[in-house]
Amino acid sequence: MTLDTLPTLDARQLERTALVRAFTAPKGFGDQTLRDRRADAIELLGGIPDPAVLPAHELADATARVLAQPGLPALQYSRTEGIPALREWIAAREGVPASRILVTNGGFHGLALAIQTTVERGDLVAVDNPIFPLFLRGLELSDARILPVRVGPHGLDVDELGAVLRGGARPAALYTVPDFHNPTQGSLSLEGRRELVRLAEHYGFVVFADNPYRELRFAGGVPEEEPFNHSERVIHVNTFTKTLGPGLRLGWLVLPESLVPDVVAVRSRQDSHSSTFVQAVVAELLTHDAGLFDATLDRARALYGSRARTLAEAIDREAPGEFEVEVPTGGLFLWPRLRDARVDADRLAADASTEGVEYQRGSFFPSGPGTDADRRLRLAFGDTTEDRLAEAATRLARALRRQRE
């Protein structure tokens, strides 16, 4: 076959090719993490759990027990929704029937399923502003239009959302991170959640509540209820990524009963189901010792809370008056704000890299106008020791002084 006899692309193939070519270059991830840097660089880049608080030995023991089971069921096919033992444990934790749980390959997979099931091509989707950028990548598959809604110290601004809706906007869906928002660290109050659910039910859109940091609360009280799990207009997304380890690639959806058949139908035409083996090991881990998960969380919360305070105090000490820094009540990030508008944020990031500290610039996150994200830094502390965090603050202060010289 010669080049002139090769079959030509039909219109549908061309459309798919155009879709892939239209994908935006990655922002906030990929470009920052692949560039050359100092050998001794301190990386405050990703929301990575510390290995010290992951239950490695317990996972090893659970794996041995799973592989000792007669007939090796963990090495066979399983249901699209997930294995019963794991779904039942998750359902009890979420306070819903197991029939509403679908196990996924991590949180982002759950978001992709939510988008594919509820968002038509070209639909309007309301999103956090600033936003976790990977969601926008997933949204590109539907060629959706976005409607940015401000996120403040208390999470998504439901008053702004309500005003936009009353003004005539009709999104098909809304995406938000309700607990320890990435990157702002704000959390939506119980009243805010109730109002968001009310708006979704009144105006007929679906809420994607993406909640990977929910269990990492190290200060403040736990909400007395979760309205997201009791509405037909909410898909609640969660994952074991931040608690048991991202390499497991295991998460779940809490689905409205009416959407379960649709999501199962979509999933059954893709990868069919998550790894039976990984599901079985995690289910064994969680059910063999009923207190293990909460004990794991207690260790993680204590560690991350201490690291958050250490980093915030070090920034205030090394660069007094230069940043507004609030210690979050959970999660894996600080979101400091530069006080001096004359500081060039892009130069600061470059100088910090030269000094040997890497972080995500806030300007990577905005999904629309009206935020101060270009004055922000997102500093991840989950997998960095306290002495290294203190050194990172020293290096950041040196980088800032370069602009004063």
Protein backbone atom coordinates (compact mmCIF):
# COMPACT_ATOMS: atom_id res chain seq x y z
CA MET A 1 0.00 0.00 0.00
CA THR A 2 1.37 3.41 -0.99
CA LEU A 3 0.68 6.78 0.57
CA ASP A 4 -1.75 7.73 -2.18
CA THR A 5 -3.81 4.58 -1.62
CA LEU A 6 -4.18 4.97 2.15
CA PRO A 7 -7.83 5.30 3.23
CA THR A 8 -8.89 8.86 4.00
CA LEU A 9 -10.35 9.89 7.34
CA ASP A 10 -14.11 10.20 7.40
CA ALA A 11 -15.90 13.14 9.04
CA ARG A 12 -16.31 11.39 12.39
CA GLN A 13 -12.63 10.46 12.56
CA LEU A 14 -11.70 14.03 11.70
CA GLU A 15 -13.96 15.27 14.48
CA ARG A 16 -12.23 13.01 16.99
CA THR A 17 -8.82 14.09 15.75
CA ALA A 18 -9.83 17.73 16.06
CA LEU A 19 -11.04 17.08 19.61
CA VAL A 20 -7.68 15.65 20.67
CA ARG A 21 -5.79 18.48 19.00
CA ALA A 22 -7.99 20.96 20.85
CA PHE A 23 -6.86 19.67 24.25
CA THR A 24 -5.12 22.44 26.13
CA ALA A 25 -1.55 22.18 27.34
CA PRO A 26 -1.47 21.07 30.99
CA LYS A 27 -1.43 23.85 33.54
CA GLY A 28 -0.55 23.44 37.18
CA PHE A 29 0.57 19.87 36.59
CA GLY A 30 3.10 18.45 34.19
CA ASP A 31 4.86 21.64 33.12
CA GLN A 32 6.03 22.49 36.64
CA THR A 33 6.91 18.94 37.58
CA LEU A 34 8.96 17.98 34.52
CA ARG A 35 11.44 20.83 34.32
CA ASP A 36 15.06 20.62 35.46
CA ARG A 37 15.76 21.65 39.02
CA ARG A 38 18.44 21.58 41.68
CA ALA A 39 19.39 18.19 43.03
CA ASP A 40 18.57 19.35 46.55
CA ALA A 41 15.27 21.00 45.58
CA ILE A 42 12.45 20.96 48.11
CA GLU A 43 9.26 20.15 46.21
CA LEU A 44 6.04 21.54 47.64
CA LEU A 45 4.13 20.61 44.51
CA GLY A 46 1.54 17.88 44.94
CA GLY A 47 -1.01 16.71 47.47
CA ILE A 48 1.00 13.58 48.24
CA PRO A 49 0.40 11.60 51.44
CA ASP A 50 3.41 10.85 53.60
CA PRO A 51 4.52 7.19 53.43
CA ALA A 52 4.89 7.16 57.22
CA VAL A 53 1.11 7.34 57.72
CA LEU A 54 0.14 4.82 55.03
CA PRO A 55 -0.72 1.33 56.39
CA ALA A 56 1.93 -0.57 54.42
CA HIS A 57 2.38 -3.48 56.83
CA GLU A 58 -1.35 -3.90 57.27
CA LEU A 59 -1.82 -3.90 53.49
CA ALA A 60 0.83 -6.59 53.19
CA ASP A 61 -0.95 -8.73 55.79
CA ALA A 62 -4.29 -8.17 54.08
CA THR A 63 -2.77 -9.19 50.74
CA ALA A 64 -1.49 -12.44 52.23
CA ARG A 65 -4.92 -13.26 53.64
CA VAL A 66 -6.63 -12.48 50.33
CA LEU A 67 -4.23 -14.70 48.39
CA ALA A 68 -4.81 -17.53 50.86
CA GLN A 69 -8.55 -17.66 50.14
CA PRO A 70 -9.74 -20.87 48.46
CA GLY A 71 -10.32 -20.51 44.74
CA LEU A 72 -8.51 -17.16 44.61
CA PRO A 73 -11.66 -15.06 43.95
CA ALA A 74 -9.57 -11.87 44.07
CA LEU A 75 -7.86 -12.90 40.83
CA GLN A 76 -11.12 -13.29 38.93
CA TYR A 77 -13.58 -10.94 37.26
CA SER A 78 -16.05 -9.04 39.42
CA ARG A 79 -19.09 -6.77 39.11
CA THR A 80 -19.00 -3.37 37.44
CA GLU A 81 -20.29 -1.72 40.63
CA GLY A 82 -17.48 -3.21 42.74
CA ILE A 83 -17.16 -6.15 45.12
CA PRO A 84 -19.89 -6.34 47.79
CA ALA A 85 -17.61 -6.24 50.84
CA LEU A 86 -15.99 -2.97 49.80
CA ARG A 87 -19.24 -1.33 48.68
CA GLU A 88 -20.91 -2.25 51.96
CA TRP A 89 -18.06 -0.78 54.02
CA ILE A 90 -18.13 2.46 52.00
CA ALA A 91 -21.93 2.63 52.18
CA ALA A 92 -21.88 2.32 55.97
CA ARG A 93 -19.29 5.10 56.14
CA GLU A 94 -21.36 7.35 53.86
CA GLY A 95 -24.69 6.50 55.48
CA VAL A 96 -26.35 5.30 52.28
CA PRO A 97 -27.50 1.94 50.82
CA ALA A 98 -24.76 -0.09 49.14
CA SER A 99 -26.82 -0.01 45.94
CA ARG A 100 -25.78 3.64 45.52
CA ILE A 101 -22.03 2.95 45.65
CA LEU A 102 -19.90 2.41 42.55
CA VAL A 103 -16.19 1.69 42.99
CA THR A 104 -13.86 3.60 40.66
CA ASN A 105 -10.19 3.79 39.72
CA GLY A 106 -9.53 6.81 41.92
CA GLY A 107 -11.33 10.12 42.20
CA PHE A 108 -10.61 11.47 38.71
CA HIS A 109 -12.14 8.36 37.16
CA GLY A 110 -15.28 9.02 39.17
CA LEU A 111 -15.40 12.59 37.85
CA ALA A 112 -14.96 11.35 34.29
CA LEU A 113 -17.89 8.96 34.71
CA ALA A 114 -20.01 11.76 36.18
CA ILE A 115 -19.22 14.02 33.22
CA GLN A 116 -19.86 11.34 30.63
CA THR A 117 -23.18 10.42 32.19
CA THR A 118 -24.69 13.86 32.77
CA VAL A 119 -22.99 16.45 30.51
CA GLU A 120 -23.89 16.74 26.83
CA ARG A 121 -21.48 18.22 24.30
CA GLY A 122 -21.45 22.00 24.56
CA ASP A 123 -23.33 22.12 27.89
CA LEU A 124 -22.66 24.87 30.40
CA VAL A 125 -20.94 23.65 33.58
CA ALA A 126 -20.46 25.86 36.63
CA VAL A 127 -17.06 25.38 38.26
CA ASP A 128 -14.99 26.51 41.23
CA ASN A 129 -12.95 29.65 40.64
CA PRO A 130 -10.08 29.04 41.27
CA ILE A 131 -10.31 25.39 40.32
CA PHE A 132 -8.51 22.06 40.58
CA PRO A 133 -7.20 22.08 36.98
CA LEU A 134 -7.50 18.37 36.21
CA PHE A 135 -11.29 18.68 36.25
CA LEU A 136 -11.10 21.11 33.33
CA ARG A 137 -9.08 18.54 31.40
CA GLY A 138 -11.79 15.97 31.94
CA LEU A 139 -14.43 18.48 30.92
CA GLU A 140 -12.71 19.00 27.57
CA LEU A 141 -13.96 15.57 26.51
CA SER A 142 -17.49 16.98 26.44
CA ASP A 143 -16.43 20.29 24.86
CA ALA A 144 -18.40 21.96 27.65
CA ARG A 145 -18.53 25.68 28.36
CA ILE A 146 -17.59 26.80 31.86
CA LEU A 147 -19.25 29.24 34.23
CA PRO A 148 -16.74 30.27 36.94
CA VAL A 149 -18.15 30.79 40.44
CA ARG A 150 -15.96 32.37 43.10
CA VAL A 151 -14.52 30.27 45.91
CA GLY A 152 -13.73 32.15 49.10
CA PRO A 153 -12.61 31.34 52.64
CA HIS A 154 -15.82 29.35 53.17
CA GLY A 155 -15.81 27.42 49.92
CA LEU A 156 -18.03 27.94 46.92
CA ASP A 157 -19.88 31.27 47.02
CA VAL A 158 -23.46 29.97 46.87
CA ASP A 159 -24.83 33.51 47.02
CA GLU A 160 -22.97 34.39 43.82
CA LEU A 161 -24.17 31.15 42.26
CA GLY A 162 -27.76 31.94 43.23
CA ALA A 163 -27.52 35.39 41.69
CA VAL A 164 -26.13 33.98 38.44
CA LEU A 165 -28.90 31.40 38.29
CA ARG A 166 -31.59 33.99 38.95
CA GLY A 167 -30.02 36.02 36.16
CA GLY A 168 -30.78 33.24 33.69
CA ALA A 169 -27.73 30.95 33.63
CA ARG A 170 -28.72 27.29 33.29
CA PRO A 171 -25.76 24.98 33.87
CA ALA A 172 -26.19 21.26 33.37
CA ALA A 173 -23.81 20.58 36.24
CA LEU A 174 -21.68 22.24 38.89
CA TYR A 175 -18.26 21.10 40.10
CA THR A 176 -16.87 21.94 43.54
CA VAL A 177 -14.43 20.63 46.15
CA PRO A 178 -16.48 21.19 49.32
CA ASP A 179 -13.95 20.24 52.01
CA PHE A 180 -10.48 21.82 52.22
CA HIS A 181 -10.81 23.09 48.70
CA ASN A 182 -7.90 22.68 46.32
CA PRO A 183 -6.26 25.18 46.17
CA THR A 184 -7.94 27.69 48.54
CA GLN A 185 -8.51 25.32 51.50
CA GLY A 186 -11.96 26.79 52.18
CA SER A 187 -14.74 24.45 53.28
CA LEU A 188 -18.43 24.81 52.50
CA SER A 189 -20.55 25.14 55.64
CA LEU A 190 -23.52 22.93 56.41
CA GLU A 191 -25.83 25.83 55.54
CA GLY A 192 -23.91 26.36 52.30
CA ARG A 193 -24.28 22.70 51.37
CA ARG A 194 -27.98 22.77 52.06
CA GLU A 195 -28.39 25.88 49.91
CA LEU A 196 -26.33 24.37 47.08
CA VAL A 197 -28.54 21.27 47.13
CA ARG A 198 -31.64 23.47 47.15
CA LEU A 199 -30.39 25.42 44.13
CA ALA A 200 -29.54 22.20 42.27
CA GLU A 201 -32.99 20.77 42.92
CA HIS A 202 -34.75 24.03 42.00
CA TYR A 203 -32.81 24.75 38.81
CA GLY A 204 -32.27 21.15 37.74
CA PHE A 205 -28.47 20.82 37.56
CA VAL A 206 -26.26 18.04 38.93
CA VAL A 207 -23.62 18.77 41.59
CA PHE A 208 -20.26 16.99 41.34
CA ALA A 209 -19.04 17.16 44.96
CA ASP A 210 -15.37 16.14 44.76
CA ASN A 211 -14.21 15.29 48.28
CA PRO A 212 -10.71 13.71 48.40
CA TYR A 213 -9.59 15.71 51.46
CA ARG A 214 -12.69 15.24 53.60
CA GLU A 215 -11.06 12.79 56.01
CA LEU A 216 -7.96 14.95 56.56
CA ARG A 217 -9.53 17.36 59.05
CA PHE A 218 -7.03 18.18 61.80
CA ALA A 219 -8.87 21.06 63.50
CA GLY A 220 -12.47 22.13 64.01
CA GLY A 221 -15.61 20.07 64.34
CA VAL A 222 -16.99 17.50 61.94
CA PRO A 223 -20.24 18.53 60.15
CA GLU A 224 -23.26 16.98 61.81
CA GLU A 225 -24.71 15.77 58.51
CA GLU A 226 -23.85 15.47 54.82
CA PRO A 227 -26.65 16.88 52.64
CA PHE A 228 -24.83 15.75 49.49
CA ASN A 229 -25.64 12.11 50.22
CA HIS A 230 -29.38 12.75 50.44
CA SER A 231 -30.22 14.43 47.15
CA GLU A 232 -31.09 13.08 43.71
CA ARG A 233 -29.14 16.01 42.22
CA VAL A 234 -25.68 15.22 43.71
CA ILE A 235 -22.92 12.83 42.66
CA HIS A 236 -20.54 12.60 45.62
CA VAL A 237 -16.99 11.66 44.57
CA ASN A 238 -14.37 10.29 46.95
CA THR A 239 -11.16 8.28 46.96
CA PHE A 240 -8.66 6.37 49.08
CA THR A 241 -5.86 8.28 47.34
CA LYS A 242 -5.09 10.67 50.20
CA THR A 243 -5.71 8.17 53.02
CA LEU A 244 -4.46 4.73 51.93
CA GLY A 245 -2.26 5.71 48.99
CA PRO A 246 -2.65 7.02 45.41
CA GLY A 247 -1.02 3.92 43.92
CA LEU A 248 -4.05 1.84 44.84
CA ARG A 249 -6.11 3.79 42.26
CA LEU A 250 -9.30 3.17 44.18
CA GLY A 251 -12.21 5.52 44.82
CA TRP A 252 -15.99 5.57 44.73
CA LEU A 253 -19.12 7.42 43.75
CA VAL A 254 -22.18 7.94 45.91
CA LEU A 255 -24.82 8.09 43.19
CA PRO A 256 -28.47 9.11 43.17
CA GLU A 257 -30.54 5.94 42.76
CA SER A 258 -31.85 7.24 39.43
CA LEU A 259 -28.35 7.53 37.96
CA VAL A 260 -26.98 4.15 39.04
CA PRO A 261 -28.13 2.28 35.89
CA ASP A 262 -26.73 4.97 33.59
CA VAL A 263 -23.32 5.11 35.26
CA VAL A 264 -23.09 1.31 35.36
CA ALA A 265 -24.00 1.21 31.67
CA VAL A 266 -21.25 3.70 30.78
CA ARG A 267 -18.68 1.92 32.95
CA SER A 268 -19.51 -1.50 31.54
CA ARG A 269 -18.58 -0.20 28.09
CA GLN A 270 -15.18 1.02 29.26
CA ASP A 271 -12.92 -0.90 31.66
CA SER A 272 -15.77 -3.04 33.06
CA HIS A 273 -14.64 -2.82 36.71
CA SER A 274 -11.81 -1.81 39.01
CA SER A 275 -9.14 -4.36 39.90
CA THR A 276 -10.79 -7.19 41.81
CA PHE A 277 -7.51 -7.86 43.57
CA VAL A 278 -7.00 -4.28 44.82
CA GLN A 279 -10.63 -4.06 45.90
CA ALA A 280 -10.34 -7.34 47.79
CA VAL A 281 -7.15 -6.29 49.58
CA VAL A 282 -8.59 -2.93 50.64
CA ALA A 283 -11.86 -4.53 51.74
CA GLU A 284 -9.91 -7.06 53.80
CA LEU A 285 -7.81 -4.28 55.31
CA LEU A 286 -10.87 -2.25 56.31
CA THR A 287 -13.03 -5.08 57.63
CA HIS A 288 -10.42 -7.25 59.37
CA ASP A 289 -9.78 -4.53 61.98
CA ALA A 290 -12.74 -2.19 62.33
CA GLY A 291 -10.66 0.55 63.92
CA LEU A 292 -7.72 0.55 61.53
CA PHE A 293 -8.96 3.17 59.09
CA ASP A 294 -9.73 5.73 61.78
CA ALA A 295 -6.43 5.00 63.53
CA THR A 296 -4.64 5.59 60.22
CA LEU A 297 -6.52 8.87 59.81
CA ASP A 298 -5.67 9.97 63.35
CA ARG A 299 -1.94 9.56 62.64
CA ALA A 300 -2.25 11.39 59.33
CA ARG A 301 -4.25 14.26 60.80
CA ALA A 302 -1.73 14.81 63.60
CA LEU A 303 1.19 14.80 61.16
CA TYR A 304 -0.38 17.10 58.59
CA GLY A 305 -1.69 19.52 61.19
CA SER A 306 1.80 19.85 62.67
CA ARG A 307 3.36 20.36 59.25
CA ALA A 308 0.80 23.00 58.26
CA ARG A 309 1.56 24.99 61.41
CA THR A 310 5.31 24.56 60.99
CA LEU A 311 5.28 25.87 57.42
CA ALA A 312 2.99 28.81 58.21
CA GLU A 313 5.08 29.84 61.22
CA ALA A 314 8.31 29.52 59.24
CA ILE A 315 6.98 31.77 56.46
CA ASP A 316 5.93 34.41 59.00
CA ARG A 317 9.32 34.16 60.68
CA GLU A 318 11.50 34.19 57.56
CA ALA A 319 9.46 36.70 55.53
CA PRO A 320 7.65 38.81 58.13
CA GLY A 321 4.77 40.82 56.74
CA GLU A 322 5.23 39.60 53.18
CA PHE A 323 2.43 37.03 53.07
CA GLU A 324 -1.05 36.58 54.42
CA VAL A 325 -0.88 33.02 55.72
CA GLU A 326 -3.73 31.11 57.31
CA VAL A 327 -3.29 27.67 58.80
CA PRO A 328 -6.02 25.49 57.27
CA THR A 329 -8.16 23.15 59.35
CA GLY A 330 -7.47 20.23 57.05
CA GLY A 331 -6.09 19.11 53.72
CA LEU A 332 -2.55 19.14 52.36
CA PHE A 333 -1.89 22.74 51.25
CA LEU A 334 -1.22 26.29 52.34
CA TRP A 335 -2.56 29.11 50.14
CA PRO A 336 -0.52 32.21 51.14
CA ARG A 337 -1.15 35.55 49.48
CA LEU A 338 1.52 38.08 48.54
CA ARG A 339 0.74 41.38 50.26
CA ASP A 340 2.87 43.60 48.00
CA ALA A 341 1.30 44.06 44.56
CA ARG A 342 4.69 45.09 43.21
CA VAL A 343 6.11 41.60 43.64
CA ASP A 344 6.33 39.82 40.28
CA ALA A 345 4.81 36.40 41.01
CA ASP A 346 6.34 34.75 37.94
CA ARG A 347 9.80 36.04 38.81
CA LEU A 348 9.32 34.91 42.40
CA ALA A 349 8.61 31.37 41.23
CA ALA A 350 11.69 31.41 39.00
CA ASP A 351 13.90 32.81 41.76
CA ALA A 352 12.51 30.29 44.23
CA SER A 353 13.40 27.50 41.82
CA THR A 354 16.95 28.88 41.62
CA GLU A 355 17.06 28.90 45.42
CA GLY A 356 15.85 25.30 45.45
CA VAL A 357 12.18 25.38 46.39
CA GLU A 358 9.40 24.42 43.97
CA TYR A 359 5.71 25.19 44.32
CA GLN A 360 2.59 25.68 42.24
CA ARG A 361 1.86 29.28 41.28
CA GLY A 362 -1.68 30.40 42.04
CA SER A 363 -2.02 31.80 38.54
CA PHE A 364 -2.17 28.24 37.22
CA PHE A 365 -5.58 27.74 38.74
CA PRO A 366 -8.05 30.50 37.82
CA SER A 367 -10.88 29.47 35.55
CA GLY A 368 -12.06 33.04 34.99
CA PRO A 369 -11.69 36.64 36.09
CA GLY A 370 -12.41 38.01 39.52
CA THR A 371 -9.96 36.16 41.75
CA ASP A 372 -6.65 37.09 43.34
CA ALA A 373 -5.14 33.73 42.44
CA ASP A 374 -2.28 35.36 40.53
CA ARG A 375 -1.06 36.68 43.90
CA ARG A 376 -1.19 33.27 45.52
CA LEU A 377 1.17 30.35 46.06
CA ARG A 378 0.00 26.81 46.63
CA LEU A 379 2.41 25.08 49.01
CA ALA A 380 1.99 21.34 49.56
CA PHE A 381 3.31 19.98 52.86
CA GLY A 382 2.03 16.41 53.02
CA ASP A 383 5.21 14.49 52.19
CA THR A 384 7.83 16.99 53.41
CA THR A 385 9.42 16.83 56.86
CA GLU A 386 9.22 19.79 59.20
CA ASP A 387 12.90 20.64 58.96
CA ARG A 388 12.63 20.69 55.18
CA LEU A 389 9.52 22.85 55.39
CA ALA A 390 11.41 25.34 57.55
CA GLU A 391 14.27 25.33 55.03
CA ALA A 392 11.76 25.85 52.19
CA ALA A 393 10.51 28.98 53.94
CA THR A 394 14.09 30.26 54.28
CA ARG A 395 14.70 29.71 50.58
CA LEU A 396 11.41 31.36 49.64
CA ALA A 397 12.36 34.41 51.71
CA ARG A 398 15.70 34.60 49.93
CA ALA A 399 13.93 34.48 46.57
CA LEU A 400 11.66 37.31 47.65
CA ARG A 401 14.63 39.43 48.74
CA ARG A 402 16.08 39.13 45.23
CA GLN A 403 13.34 41.50 44.08
CA ARG A 404 14.15 43.94 46.90
CA GLU A 405 17.79 44.23 45.91
